[in-house]
């Protein structure tokens, strides 16, 4: 992925993503590499360390959502006017 695509997906400015990538790169979570087909493009990719951290965060978030699911369902039912919260 390139910085412009990341900025668009995150809904932030290009320079904000550059700063974020700089910080992630300093922690060896991502790396920049030149696109083999278009050497002008710089691609951003996760390192093994970054993938591992992301997997752990994803698992933690999924577990938290599973834990909160019954409460969220009751709240949504209440918001929709359902009297069985």
PDB file of N, CA and C in Angstrom:
ATOM      1  N   UNK A   1       0.852  -1.162   0.000  1.00  0.00           N
ATOM      2  CA  UNK A   1       0.000   0.000   0.000  1.00  0.00           C
ATOM      3  C   UNK A   1       0.903   1.232   0.000  1.00  0.00           C
ATOM      4  N   UNK A   2       0.433   2.284  -0.609  1.00  0.00           N
ATOM      5  CA  UNK A   2       1.192   3.539  -0.626  1.00  0.00           C
ATOM      6  C   UNK A   2       0.578   4.523   0.365  1.00  0.00           C
ATOM      7  N   UNK A   3       1.337   5.540   0.700  1.00  0.00           N
ATOM      8  CA  UNK A   3       0.910   6.492   1.724  1.00  0.00           C
ATOM      9  C   UNK A   3      -0.409   7.167   1.357  1.00  0.00           C
ATOM     10  N   UNK A   4      -0.594   7.527   0.105  1.00  0.00           N
ATOM     11  CA  UNK A   4      -1.841   8.158  -0.309  1.00  0.00           C
ATOM     12  C   UNK A   4      -3.050   7.282  -0.041  1.00  0.00           C
ATOM     13  N   UNK A   5      -2.929   5.980  -0.313  1.00  0.00           N
ATOM     14  CA  UNK A   5      -4.033   5.042  -0.046  1.00  0.00           C
ATOM     15  C   UNK A   5      -4.305   4.933   1.450  1.00  0.00           C
ATOM     16  N   UNK A   6      -3.227   4.877   2.244  1.00  0.00           N
ATOM     17  CA  UNK A   6      -3.401   4.817   3.697  1.00  0.00           C
ATOM     18  C   UNK A   6      -4.101   6.066   4.215  1.00  0.00           C
ATOM     19  N   UNK A   7      -3.688   7.222   3.713  1.00  0.00           N
ATOM     20  CA  UNK A   7      -4.299   8.486   4.142  1.00  0.00           C
ATOM     21  C   UNK A   7      -5.791   8.481   3.820  1.00  0.00           C
ATOM     22  N   UNK A   8      -6.125   8.001   2.642  1.00  0.00           N
ATOM     23  CA  UNK A   8      -7.539   7.967   2.246  1.00  0.00           C
ATOM     24  C   UNK A   8      -8.332   7.006   3.134  1.00  0.00           C
ATOM     25  N   UNK A   9      -7.792   5.834   3.376  1.00  0.00           N
ATOM     26  CA  UNK A   9      -8.500   4.849   4.207  1.00  0.00           C
ATOM     27  C   UNK A   9      -8.650   5.310   5.653  1.00  0.00           C
ATOM     28  N   UNK A  10      -7.631   6.001   6.157  1.00  0.00           N
ATOM     29  CA  UNK A  10      -7.678   6.492   7.535  1.00  0.00           C
ATOM     30  C   UNK A  10      -8.388   7.833   7.655  1.00  0.00           C
ATOM     31  N   UNK A  11      -8.682   8.439   6.496  1.00  0.00           N
ATOM     32  CA  UNK A  11      -9.348   9.730   6.447  1.00  0.00           C
ATOM     33  C   UNK A  11      -8.529  10.806   7.174  1.00  0.00           C
ATOM     34  N   UNK A  12      -7.231  10.807   6.882  1.00  0.00           N
ATOM     35  CA  UNK A  12      -6.320  11.803   7.434  1.00  0.00           C
ATOM     36  C   UNK A  12      -5.453  12.359   6.309  1.00  0.00           C
ATOM     37  N   UNK A  13      -4.729  13.403   6.604  1.00  0.00           N
ATOM     38  CA  UNK A  13      -3.883  14.046   5.596  1.00  0.00           C
ATOM     39  C   UNK A  13      -2.615  13.237   5.336  1.00  0.00           C
ATOM     40  N   UNK A  14      -2.104  13.404   4.118  1.00  0.00           N
ATOM     41  CA  UNK A  14      -0.909  12.692   3.666  1.00  0.00           C
ATOM     42  C   UNK A  14       0.240  12.859   4.658  1.00  0.00           C
ATOM     43  N   UNK A  15       0.511  14.093   5.085  1.00  0.00           N
ATOM     44  CA  UNK A  15       1.648  14.328   5.973  1.00  0.00           C
ATOM     45  C   UNK A  15       1.464  13.671   7.341  1.00  0.00           C
ATOM     46  N   UNK A  16       0.221  13.493   7.762  1.00  0.00           N
ATOM     47  CA  UNK A  16      -0.034  12.796   9.027  1.00  0.00           C
ATOM     48  C   UNK A  16       0.364  11.331   8.920  1.00  0.00           C
ATOM     49  N   UNK A  17       0.071  10.735   7.771  1.00  0.00           N
ATOM     50  CA  UNK A  17       0.434   9.331   7.553  1.00  0.00           C
ATOM     51  C   UNK A  17       1.947   9.189   7.450  1.00  0.00           C
ATOM     52  N   UNK A  18       2.610  10.159   6.819  1.00  0.00           N
ATOM     53  CA  UNK A  18       4.075  10.111   6.733  1.00  0.00           C
ATOM     54  C   UNK A  18       4.672  10.072   8.138  1.00  0.00           C
ATOM     55  N   UNK A  19       4.174  10.910   9.032  1.00  0.00           N
ATOM     56  CA  UNK A  19       4.652  10.909  10.415  1.00  0.00           C
ATOM     57  C   UNK A  19       4.375   9.592  11.112  1.00  0.00           C
ATOM     58  N   UNK A  20       3.192   9.050  10.889  1.00  0.00           N
ATOM     59  CA  UNK A  20       2.831   7.766  11.476  1.00  0.00           C
ATOM     60  C   UNK A  20       3.756   6.660  10.961  1.00  0.00           C
ATOM     61  N   UNK A  21       3.989   6.638   9.657  1.00  0.00           N
ATOM     62  CA  UNK A  21       4.866   5.626   9.059  1.00  0.00           C
ATOM     63  C   UNK A  21       6.289   5.795   9.581  1.00  0.00           C
ATOM     64  N   UNK A  22       6.741   7.018   9.750  1.00  0.00           N
ATOM     65  CA  UNK A  22       8.077   7.252  10.315  1.00  0.00           C
ATOM     66  C   UNK A  22       8.183   6.620  11.702  1.00  0.00           C
ATOM     67  N   UNK A  23       7.167   6.831  12.533  1.00  0.00           N
ATOM     68  CA  UNK A  23       7.192   6.282  13.888  1.00  0.00           C
ATOM     69  C   UNK A  23       7.095   4.753  13.888  1.00  0.00           C
ATOM     70  N   UNK A  24       6.238   4.202  13.031  1.00  0.00           N
ATOM     71  CA  UNK A  24       6.114   2.747  12.940  1.00  0.00           C
ATOM     72  C   UNK A  24       7.388   2.118  12.403  1.00  0.00           C
ATOM     73  N   UNK A  25       8.019   2.783  11.456  1.00  0.00           N
ATOM     74  CA  UNK A  25       9.264   2.295  10.880  1.00  0.00           C
ATOM     75  C   UNK A  25      10.379   2.306  11.922  1.00  0.00           C
ATOM     76  N   UNK A  26      10.433   3.338  12.733  1.00  0.00           N
ATOM     77  CA  UNK A  26      11.450   3.422  13.788  1.00  0.00           C
ATOM     78  C   UNK A  26      11.309   2.278  14.789  1.00  0.00           C
ATOM     79  N   UNK A  27      10.098   1.750  14.924  1.00  0.00           N
ATOM     80  CA  UNK A  27       9.845   0.630  15.837  1.00  0.00           C
ATOM     81  C   UNK A  27       9.896  -0.708  15.118  1.00  0.00           C
ATOM     82  N   UNK A  28      10.299  -0.684  13.833  1.00  0.00           N
ATOM     83  CA  UNK A  28      10.423  -1.895  13.004  1.00  0.00           C
ATOM     84  C   UNK A  28       9.090  -2.622  12.820  1.00  0.00           C
ATOM     85  N   UNK A  29       7.985  -1.866  12.793  1.00  0.00           N
ATOM     86  CA  UNK A  29       6.666  -2.458  12.577  1.00  0.00           C
ATOM     87  C   UNK A  29       6.252  -2.423  11.110  1.00  0.00           C
ATOM     88  N   UNK A  30       6.792  -1.459  10.364  1.00  0.00           N
ATOM     89  CA  UNK A  30       6.569  -1.376   8.917  1.00  0.00           C
ATOM     90  C   UNK A  30       7.907  -1.058   8.246  1.00  0.00           C
ATOM     91  N   UNK A  31       7.936  -1.256   6.930  1.00  0.00           N
ATOM     92  CA  UNK A  31       9.107  -0.852   6.151  1.00  0.00           C
ATOM     93  C   UNK A  31       8.635  -0.259   4.834  1.00  0.00           C
ATOM     94  N   UNK A  32       9.452   0.624   4.318  1.00  0.00           N
ATOM     95  CA  UNK A  32       9.196   1.214   3.010  1.00  0.00           C
ATOM     96  C   UNK A  32      10.030   0.446   1.994  1.00  0.00           C
ATOM     97  N   UNK A  33       9.448   0.223   0.809  1.00  0.00           N
ATOM     98  CA  UNK A  33      10.229  -0.365  -0.275  1.00  0.00           C
ATOM     99  C   UNK A  33       9.733   0.184  -1.601  1.00  0.00           C
ATOM    100  N   UNK A  34      10.624   0.264  -2.551  1.00  0.00           N
ATOM    101  CA  UNK A  34      10.275   0.762  -3.884  1.00  0.00           C
ATOM    102  C   UNK A  34       9.441  -0.277  -4.618  1.00  0.00           C
ATOM    103  N   UNK A  35       8.442   0.191  -5.339  1.00  0.00           N
ATOM    104  CA  UNK A  35       7.626  -0.671  -6.187  1.00  0.00           C
ATOM    105  C   UNK A  35       8.511  -1.181  -7.319  1.00  0.00           C
ATOM    106  N   UNK A  36       8.541  -2.483  -7.536  1.00  0.00           N
ATOM    107  CA  UNK A  36       9.388  -3.065  -8.572  1.00  0.00           C
ATOM    108  C   UNK A  36       8.964  -2.624  -9.971  1.00  0.00           C
ATOM    109  N   UNK A  37       7.673  -2.344 -10.167  1.00  0.00           N
ATOM    110  CA  UNK A  37       7.173  -1.958 -11.483  1.00  0.00           C
ATOM    111  C   UNK A  37       7.246  -0.454 -11.726  1.00  0.00           C
ATOM    112  N   UNK A  38       7.153   0.326 -10.665  1.00  0.00           N
ATOM    113  CA  UNK A  38       7.209   1.784 -10.787  1.00  0.00           C
ATOM    114  C   UNK A  38       8.091   2.303  -9.660  1.00  0.00           C
ATOM    115  N   UNK A  39       9.357   2.498  -9.955  1.00  0.00           N
ATOM    116  CA  UNK A  39      10.337   2.863  -8.938  1.00  0.00           C
ATOM    117  C   UNK A  39      10.040   4.199  -8.260  1.00  0.00           C
ATOM    118  N   UNK A  40       9.125   4.982  -8.807  1.00  0.00           N
ATOM    119  CA  UNK A  40       8.745   6.248  -8.174  1.00  0.00           C
ATOM    120  C   UNK A  40       7.849   6.018  -6.966  1.00  0.00           C
ATOM    121  N   UNK A  41       7.153   4.900  -6.952  1.00  0.00           N
ATOM    122  CA  UNK A  41       6.218   4.597  -5.861  1.00  0.00           C
ATOM    123  C   UNK A  41       6.938   3.930  -4.701  1.00  0.00           C
ATOM    124  N   UNK A  42       6.580   4.347  -3.496  1.00  0.00           N
ATOM    125  CA  UNK A  42       7.121   3.726  -2.283  1.00  0.00           C
ATOM    126  C   UNK A  42       5.975   2.982  -1.615  1.00  0.00           C
ATOM    127  N   UNK A  43       6.174   1.695  -1.453  1.00  0.00           N
ATOM    128  CA  UNK A  43       5.162   0.859  -0.820  1.00  0.00           C
ATOM    129  C   UNK A  43       5.459   0.711   0.660  1.00  0.00           C
ATOM    130  N   UNK A  44       4.411   0.605   1.426  1.00  0.00           N
ATOM    131  CA  UNK A  44       4.524   0.402   2.866  1.00  0.00           C
ATOM    132  C   UNK A  44       4.055  -1.020   3.148  1.00  0.00           C
ATOM    133  N   UNK A  45       4.863  -1.765   3.870  1.00  0.00           N
ATOM    134  CA  UNK A  45       4.457  -3.132   4.208  1.00  0.00           C
ATOM    135  C   UNK A  45       4.754  -3.417   5.669  1.00  0.00           C
ATOM    136  N   UNK A  46       3.939  -4.286   6.242  1.00  0.00           N
ATOM    137  CA  UNK A  46       4.147  -4.710   7.621  1.00  0.00           C
ATOM    138  C   UNK A  46       5.366  -5.618   7.699  1.00  0.00           C
ATOM    139  N   UNK A  47       6.124  -5.487   8.760  1.00  0.00           N
ATOM    140  CA  UNK A  47       7.208  -6.425   9.034  1.00  0.00           C
ATOM    141  C   UNK A  47       6.612  -7.617   9.788  1.00  0.00           C
ATOM    142  N   UNK A  48       7.417  -8.644  10.005  1.00  0.00           N
ATOM    143  CA  UNK A  48       6.954  -9.785  10.800  1.00  0.00           C
ATOM    144  C   UNK A  48       6.552  -9.315  12.197  1.00  0.00           C
ATOM    145  N   UNK A  49       7.330  -8.409  12.763  1.00  0.00           N
ATOM    146  CA  UNK A  49       7.008  -7.847  14.081  1.00  0.00           C
ATOM    147  C   UNK A  49       5.676  -7.102  14.040  1.00  0.00           C
ATOM    148  N   UNK A  50       5.437  -6.337  12.969  1.00  0.00           N
ATOM    149  CA  UNK A  50       4.187  -5.609  12.807  1.00  0.00           C
ATOM    150  C   UNK A  50       2.998  -6.538  12.651  1.00  0.00           C
ATOM    151  N   UNK A  51       3.185  -7.607  11.858  1.00  0.00           N
ATOM    152  CA  UNK A  51       2.096  -8.584  11.679  1.00  0.00           C
ATOM    153  C   UNK A  51       1.753  -9.264  13.000  1.00  0.00           C
ATOM    154  N   UNK A  52       2.788  -9.591  13.774  1.00  0.00           N
ATOM    155  CA  UNK A  52       2.567 -10.245  15.058  1.00  0.00           C
ATOM    156  C   UNK A  52       1.806  -9.329  16.015  1.00  0.00           C
ATOM    157  N   UNK A  53       2.219  -8.075  16.076  1.00  0.00           N
ATOM    158  CA  UNK A  53       1.536  -7.112  16.940  1.00  0.00           C
ATOM    159  C   UNK A  53       0.088  -6.919  16.491  1.00  0.00           C
ATOM    160  N   UNK A  54      -0.134  -6.800  15.196  1.00  0.00           N
ATOM    161  CA  UNK A  54      -1.480  -6.619  14.668  1.00  0.00           C
ATOM    162  C   UNK A  54      -2.361  -7.830  14.972  1.00  0.00           C
ATOM    163  N   UNK A  55      -1.794  -9.021  14.857  1.00  0.00           N
ATOM    164  CA  UNK A  55      -2.563 -10.235  15.174  1.00  0.00           C
ATOM    165  C   UNK A  55      -2.978 -10.232  16.638  1.00  0.00           C
ATOM    166  N   UNK A  56      -2.067  -9.838  17.519  1.00  0.00           N
ATOM    167  CA  UNK A  56      -2.393  -9.772  18.944  1.00  0.00           C
ATOM    168  C   UNK A  56      -3.466  -8.743  19.238  1.00  0.00           C
ATOM    169  N   UNK A  57      -3.359  -7.573  18.607  1.00  0.00           N
ATOM    170  CA  UNK A  57      -4.379  -6.539  18.799  1.00  0.00           C
ATOM    171  C   UNK A  57      -5.735  -6.993  18.273  1.00  0.00           C
ATOM    172  N   UNK A  58      -5.728  -7.647  17.119  1.00  0.00           N
ATOM    173  CA  UNK A  58      -6.981  -8.134  16.534  1.00  0.00           C
ATOM    174  C   UNK A  58      -7.650  -9.142  17.454  1.00  0.00           C
ATOM    175  N   UNK A  59      -6.863 -10.047  18.004  1.00  0.00           N
ATOM    176  CA  UNK A  59      -7.401 -11.044  18.929  1.00  0.00           C
ATOM    177  C   UNK A  59      -7.975 -10.374  20.175  1.00  0.00           C
ATOM    178  N   UNK A  60      -7.247  -9.414  20.724  1.00  0.00           N
ATOM    179  CA  UNK A  60      -7.727  -8.718  21.921  1.00  0.00           C
ATOM    180  C   UNK A  60      -9.022  -7.962  21.630  1.00  0.00           C
ATOM    181  N   UNK A  61      -9.097  -7.301  20.491  1.00  0.00           N
ATOM    182  CA  UNK A  61     -10.313  -6.559  20.135  1.00  0.00           C
ATOM    183  C   UNK A  61     -11.483  -7.504  19.883  1.00  0.00           C
ATOM    184  N   UNK A  62     -11.218  -8.622  19.222  1.00  0.00           N
ATOM    185  CA  UNK A  62     -12.292  -9.587  18.970  1.00  0.00           C
ATOM    186  C   UNK A  62     -12.820 -10.138  20.299  1.00  0.00           C
ATOM    187  N   UNK A  63     -11.917 -10.458  21.213  1.00  0.00           N
ATOM    188  CA  UNK A  63     -12.348 -10.971  22.522  1.00  0.00           C
ATOM    189  C   UNK A  63     -13.157  -9.927  23.282  1.00  0.00           C
ATOM    190  N   UNK A  64     -12.743  -8.686  23.201  1.00  0.00           N
ATOM    191  CA  UNK A  64     -13.477  -7.607  23.878  1.00  0.00           C
ATOM    192  C   UNK A  64     -14.873  -7.441  23.270  1.00  0.00           C
ATOM    193  N   UNK A  65     -14.971  -7.507  21.954  1.00  0.00           N
ATOM    194  CA  UNK A  65     -16.285  -7.406  21.302  1.00  0.00           C
ATOM    195  C   UNK A  65     -17.178  -8.583  21.679  1.00  0.00           C
ATOM    196  N   UNK A  66     -16.603  -9.770  21.760  1.00  0.00           N
ATOM    197  CA  UNK A  66     -17.398 -10.934  22.184  1.00  0.00           C
ATOM    198  C   UNK A  66     -17.899 -10.755  23.614  1.00  0.00           C
ATOM    199  N   UNK A  67     -17.042 -10.207  24.464  1.00  0.00           N
ATOM    200  CA  UNK A  67     -17.426  -9.983  25.854  1.00  0.00           C
ATOM    201  C   UNK A  67     -18.546  -8.947  25.947  1.00  0.00           C
ATOM    202  N   UNK A  68     -18.469  -7.928  25.125  1.00  0.00           N
ATOM    203  CA  UNK A  68     -19.447  -6.838  25.173  1.00  0.00           C
ATOM    204  C   UNK A  68     -20.691  -7.086  24.311  1.00  0.00           C
ATOM    205  N   UNK A  69     -20.677  -8.111  23.483  1.00  0.00           N
ATOM    206  CA  UNK A  69     -21.778  -8.357  22.540  1.00  0.00           C
ATOM    207  C   UNK A  69     -23.154  -8.380  23.211  1.00  0.00           C
ATOM    208  N   UNK A  70     -23.361  -9.109  24.305  1.00  0.00           N
ATOM    209  CA  UNK A  70     -24.699  -9.119  24.912  1.00  0.00           C
ATOM    210  C   UNK A  70     -25.167  -7.718  25.329  1.00  0.00           C
ATOM    211  N   UNK A  71     -24.264  -6.934  25.900  1.00  0.00           N
ATOM    212  CA  UNK A  71     -24.615  -5.572  26.298  1.00  0.00           C
ATOM    213  C   UNK A  71     -24.938  -4.722  25.071  1.00  0.00           C
ATOM    214  N   UNK A  72     -24.135  -4.826  24.042  1.00  0.00           N
ATOM    215  CA  UNK A  72     -24.380  -4.054  22.822  1.00  0.00           C
ATOM    216  C   UNK A  72     -25.714  -4.414  22.181  1.00  0.00           C
ATOM    217  N   UNK A  73     -26.037  -5.693  22.193  1.00  0.00           N
ATOM    218  CA  UNK A  73     -27.321  -6.145  21.617  1.00  0.00           C
ATOM    219  C   UNK A  73     -28.489  -5.574  22.420  1.00  0.00           C
ATOM    220  N   UNK A  74     -28.376  -5.601  23.750  1.00  0.00           N
ATOM    221  CA  UNK A  74     -29.448  -5.037  24.580  1.00  0.00           C
ATOM    222  C   UNK A  74     -29.584  -3.531  24.351  1.00  0.00           C
ATOM    223  N   UNK A  75     -28.468  -2.837  24.272  1.00  0.00           N
ATOM    224  CA  UNK A  75     -28.515  -1.392  24.040  1.00  0.00           C
ATOM    225  C   UNK A  75     -29.128  -1.058  22.692  1.00  0.00           C
ATOM    226  N   UNK A  76     -28.761  -1.799  21.658  1.00  0.00           N
ATOM    227  CA  UNK A  76     -29.339  -1.562  20.331  1.00  0.00           C
ATOM    228  C   UNK A  76     -30.840  -1.840  20.325  1.00  0.00           C
ATOM    229  N   UNK A  77     -31.235  -2.888  21.009  1.00  0.00           N
ATOM    230  CA  UNK A  77     -32.664  -3.205  21.091  1.00  0.00           C
ATOM    231  C   UNK A  77     -33.398  -2.077  21.799  1.00  0.00           C
ATOM    232  N   UNK A  78     -32.801  -1.552  22.828  1.00  0.00           N
ATOM    233  CA  UNK A  78     -33.415  -0.450  23.574  1.00  0.00           C
ATOM    234  C   UNK A  78     -33.536   0.800  22.689  1.00  0.00           C
ATOM    235  N   UNK A  79     -32.494   1.110  21.962  1.00  0.00           N
ATOM    236  CA  UNK A  79     -32.497   2.270  21.067  1.00  0.00           C
ATOM    237  C   UNK A  79     -33.571   2.128  19.995  1.00  0.00           C
ATOM    238  N   UNK A  80     -33.779   0.911  19.538  1.00  0.00           N
ATOM    239  CA  UNK A  80     -34.765   0.666  18.480  1.00  0.00           C
ATOM    240  C   UNK A  80     -36.188   0.609  19.035  1.00  0.00           C
ATOM    241  N   UNK A  81     -36.325   0.813  20.319  1.00  0.00           N
ATOM    242  CA  UNK A  81     -37.665   0.849  20.910  1.00  0.00           C
ATOM    243  C   UNK A  81     -38.145  -0.500  21.404  1.00  0.00           C
ATOM    244  N   UNK A  82     -37.294  -1.479  21.381  1.00  0.00           N
ATOM    245  CA  UNK A  82     -37.635  -2.794  21.880  1.00  0.00           C
ATOM    246  C   UNK A  82     -37.695  -2.739  23.399  1.00  0.00           C
ATOM    247  N   UNK A  83     -38.732  -3.256  24.015  1.00  0.00           N
ATOM    248  CA  UNK A  83     -38.869  -3.181  25.468  1.00  0.00           C
ATOM    249  C   UNK A  83     -38.254  -4.377  26.179  1.00  0.00           C
ATOM    250  N   UNK A  84     -37.444  -5.168  25.482  1.00  0.00           N
ATOM    251  CA  UNK A  84     -36.777  -6.331  26.092  1.00  0.00           C
ATOM    252  C   UNK A  84     -35.264  -6.112  26.159  1.00  0.00           C
ATOM    253  N   UNK A  85     -34.817  -5.111  26.910  1.00  0.00           N
ATOM    254  CA  UNK A  85     -33.374  -4.847  26.983  1.00  0.00           C
ATOM    255  C   UNK A  85     -32.614  -5.895  27.754  1.00  0.00           C
TER     256      UNK A  85
END
